[in-house]
Amino acid sequence: MKSRLLTAEQALRLLAETPARIQSATTGLSAAELRRRPSPDEWSVNDVLAHLRACADVRGGALAIVLAEDHPTIRTTNPRTYMETTDYPDLEFGPSFRAFAKQRKDLLAVLQSLPTEAWARSARITGAGKPLEYTVQYYADWLAVHERPHIKQIERVAATLHSAPSQF
């Protein structure tokens, strides 16, 4: 586990910013534009959103288990592998984004209501080598930090699409 985690307040602020930044970057783009890959080896905005949703499901789901159970054992799941079991990459951006934003709102409501000591609740994580101990704080931090480069990726791709001449 990382030795330096964000504070709870920092994690909450970053987690709250994500949907707003995605919405701001993508406003005015068509469904086709949101599916357009900048290059064959890069993700489209829709692909990035599918990845963020899978991460939110996997890491947010583990976080919920840690809060619901006393020191559970959780078998880890790779978000990219999990994404392959969903229809997220095939969904239209609008409904997928709304589902992501609702999930984030619900997660923030839970996290914001936690007493300080609940952020230290932990689980034993198996399935990726030596068992690890992850806390609620770790999962909130992981989501917040992991999303930063993906948000910048969405903003970069969207900015390119906004500045490109219309292809009608």
Protein backbone atom coordinates (compact mmCIF):
# COMPACT_ATOMS: atom_id res chain seq x y z
CA MET A 1 0.00 0.00 0.00
CA LYS A 2 1.17 3.55 -0.64
CA SER A 3 2.74 5.18 2.37
CA ARG A 4 1.25 8.64 1.73
CA LEU A 5 -2.48 8.82 1.26
CA LEU A 6 -4.59 11.84 0.53
CA THR A 7 -6.48 13.21 3.48
CA ALA A 8 -10.15 12.32 3.60
CA GLU A 9 -10.99 15.91 2.64
CA GLN A 10 -8.63 15.83 -0.36
CA ALA A 11 -10.03 12.52 -1.57
CA LEU A 12 -13.61 13.73 -1.19
CA ARG A 13 -12.86 16.95 -3.10
CA LEU A 14 -11.19 15.10 -5.99
CA LEU A 15 -13.92 12.45 -6.14
CA ALA A 16 -16.58 15.17 -6.21
CA GLU A 17 -14.82 17.04 -9.05
CA THR A 18 -14.68 14.09 -11.44
CA PRO A 19 -18.26 14.12 -12.81
CA ALA A 20 -18.26 17.90 -13.17
CA ARG A 21 -14.99 17.88 -15.08
CA ILE A 22 -16.19 15.12 -17.40
CA GLN A 23 -19.45 16.95 -18.04
CA SER A 24 -17.68 20.24 -18.68
CA ALA A 25 -15.24 18.66 -21.12
CA THR A 26 -17.84 16.72 -23.08
CA THR A 27 -20.70 19.21 -23.34
CA GLY A 28 -21.59 19.80 -26.98
CA LEU A 29 -19.92 16.66 -28.35
CA SER A 30 -21.98 14.19 -30.34
CA ALA A 31 -22.30 10.50 -29.56
CA ALA A 32 -20.12 9.75 -32.58
CA GLU A 33 -17.43 12.18 -31.42
CA LEU A 34 -17.42 10.67 -27.94
CA ARG A 35 -16.71 7.27 -29.52
CA ARG A 36 -13.99 8.57 -31.83
CA ARG A 37 -10.51 7.37 -30.92
CA PRO A 38 -7.75 9.94 -31.40
CA SER A 39 -5.58 7.14 -32.79
CA PRO A 40 -6.03 3.38 -33.11
CA ASP A 41 -4.14 2.73 -29.88
CA GLU A 42 -5.86 5.41 -27.77
CA TRP A 43 -9.15 5.28 -25.94
CA SER A 44 -12.12 7.38 -26.93
CA VAL A 45 -13.88 9.48 -24.30
CA ASN A 46 -16.50 6.71 -24.12
CA ASP A 47 -13.77 4.10 -23.56
CA VAL A 48 -12.26 6.13 -20.72
CA LEU A 49 -15.68 6.48 -19.10
CA ALA A 50 -16.21 2.71 -19.37
CA HIS A 51 -12.88 2.20 -17.59
CA LEU A 52 -13.76 4.72 -14.86
CA ARG A 53 -17.09 3.01 -14.30
CA ALA A 54 -15.41 -0.39 -13.98
CA CYS A 55 -12.91 1.04 -11.48
CA ALA A 56 -15.73 2.65 -9.51
CA ASP A 57 -17.61 -0.66 -9.44
CA VAL A 58 -14.62 -2.72 -8.35
CA ARG A 59 -12.94 -0.36 -5.89
CA GLY A 60 -16.18 1.23 -4.71
CA GLY A 61 -17.68 -2.22 -4.24
CA ALA A 62 -14.73 -3.30 -2.12
CA LEU A 63 -15.03 -0.10 -0.11
CA ALA A 64 -18.69 -0.88 0.59
CA ILE A 65 -17.77 -4.37 1.80
CA VAL A 66 -15.14 -2.95 4.15
CA LEU A 67 -17.77 -0.65 5.64
CA ALA A 68 -20.43 -3.36 5.91
CA GLU A 69 -18.35 -6.17 7.41
CA ASP A 70 -15.81 -6.46 10.21
CA HIS A 71 -12.41 -7.00 8.61
CA PRO A 72 -13.60 -9.03 5.59
CA THR A 73 -11.40 -10.98 3.22
CA ILE A 74 -11.91 -9.77 -0.36
CA ARG A 75 -10.54 -11.42 -3.46
CA THR A 76 -9.26 -8.63 -5.67
CA THR A 77 -10.63 -8.04 -9.14
CA ASN A 78 -8.79 -6.23 -11.90
CA PRO A 79 -11.01 -3.37 -13.14
CA ARG A 80 -9.93 -3.96 -16.77
CA THR A 81 -10.88 -7.63 -16.53
CA TYR A 82 -14.15 -6.68 -14.85
CA MET A 83 -14.89 -4.15 -17.61
CA GLU A 84 -14.83 -7.00 -20.14
CA THR A 85 -17.79 -8.57 -18.31
CA THR A 86 -19.89 -5.39 -18.63
CA ASP A 87 -21.57 -3.61 -21.51
CA TYR A 88 -19.97 -0.29 -20.49
CA PRO A 89 -17.85 0.09 -23.65
CA ASP A 90 -20.96 -0.39 -25.82
CA LEU A 91 -23.26 1.98 -23.96
CA GLU A 92 -24.06 5.45 -25.23
CA PHE A 93 -22.11 8.10 -23.37
CA GLY A 94 -25.09 10.02 -21.93
CA PRO A 95 -26.78 7.18 -20.03
CA SER A 96 -23.41 5.75 -19.00
CA PHE A 97 -22.24 9.11 -17.68
CA ARG A 98 -25.48 9.63 -15.75
CA ALA A 99 -25.05 6.20 -14.12
CA PHE A 100 -21.44 7.07 -13.22
CA ALA A 101 -22.46 10.45 -11.78
CA LYS A 102 -25.23 8.85 -9.69
CA GLN A 103 -22.87 6.18 -8.42
CA ARG A 104 -20.36 8.88 -7.47
CA LYS A 105 -23.03 10.95 -5.70
CA ASP A 106 -24.05 7.86 -3.70
CA LEU A 107 -20.42 7.05 -2.83
CA LEU A 108 -19.78 10.61 -1.69
CA ALA A 109 -22.90 10.56 0.50
CA VAL A 110 -21.56 7.46 2.26
CA LEU A 111 -18.01 8.76 2.60
CA GLN A 112 -19.05 12.22 3.77
CA SER A 113 -21.16 10.70 6.54
CA LEU A 114 -18.36 8.54 7.94
CA PRO A 115 -16.90 9.27 11.34
CA THR A 116 -13.13 9.76 11.23
CA GLU A 117 -12.37 6.33 12.68
CA ALA A 118 -14.36 4.56 9.93
CA TRP A 119 -11.76 5.66 7.34
CA ALA A 120 -9.36 3.22 9.04
CA ARG A 121 -11.64 0.18 8.68
CA SER A 122 -9.78 -2.45 6.69
CA ALA A 123 -10.01 -5.69 4.75
CA ARG A 124 -7.63 -8.47 3.90
CA ILE A 125 -7.14 -8.50 0.13
CA THR A 126 -6.19 -11.73 -1.62
CA GLY A 127 -5.72 -12.89 -5.18
CA ALA A 128 -2.73 -10.82 -6.29
CA GLY A 129 0.22 -12.34 -4.49
CA LYS A 130 0.83 -11.80 -0.80
CA PRO A 131 -2.36 -10.80 1.07
CA LEU A 132 -2.61 -7.06 1.68
CA GLU A 133 -4.52 -4.82 4.08
CA TYR A 134 -6.52 -2.02 2.45
CA THR A 135 -8.55 0.58 4.31
CA VAL A 136 -11.53 2.72 3.38
CA GLN A 137 -9.02 5.56 3.15
CA TYR A 138 -6.91 3.54 0.69
CA TYR A 139 -9.87 2.86 -1.61
CA ALA A 140 -11.03 6.49 -1.62
CA ASP A 141 -7.45 7.61 -2.30
CA TRP A 142 -6.98 5.02 -5.03
CA LEU A 143 -10.10 6.12 -6.88
CA ALA A 144 -9.29 9.82 -6.58
CA VAL A 145 -5.66 9.51 -7.64
CA HIS A 146 -6.34 6.97 -10.38
CA GLU A 147 -8.96 9.21 -11.99
CA ARG A 148 -6.71 12.28 -12.35
CA PRO A 149 -4.82 11.22 -15.49
CA HIS A 150 -8.00 9.80 -17.02
CA ILE A 151 -9.84 13.09 -16.47
CA LYS A 152 -6.97 14.91 -18.14
CA GLN A 153 -7.14 12.36 -20.95
CA ILE A 154 -10.86 13.05 -21.43
CA GLU A 155 -10.24 16.81 -21.35
CA ARG A 156 -7.43 16.51 -23.92
CA VAL A 157 -9.43 14.33 -26.32
CA ALA A 158 -12.56 16.45 -25.90
CA ALA A 159 -10.61 19.67 -26.52
CA THR A 160 -9.25 18.19 -29.74
CA LEU A 161 -12.77 17.21 -30.81
CA HIS A 162 -14.14 20.67 -29.95
CA SER A 163 -11.46 22.34 -32.05
CA ALA A 164 -11.73 19.96 -35.02
CA PRO A 165 -13.74 21.16 -38.04
CA SER A 166 -17.20 19.65 -38.28
CA GLN A 167 -17.27 16.47 -40.33
CA PHE A 168 -20.72 16.87 -41.90
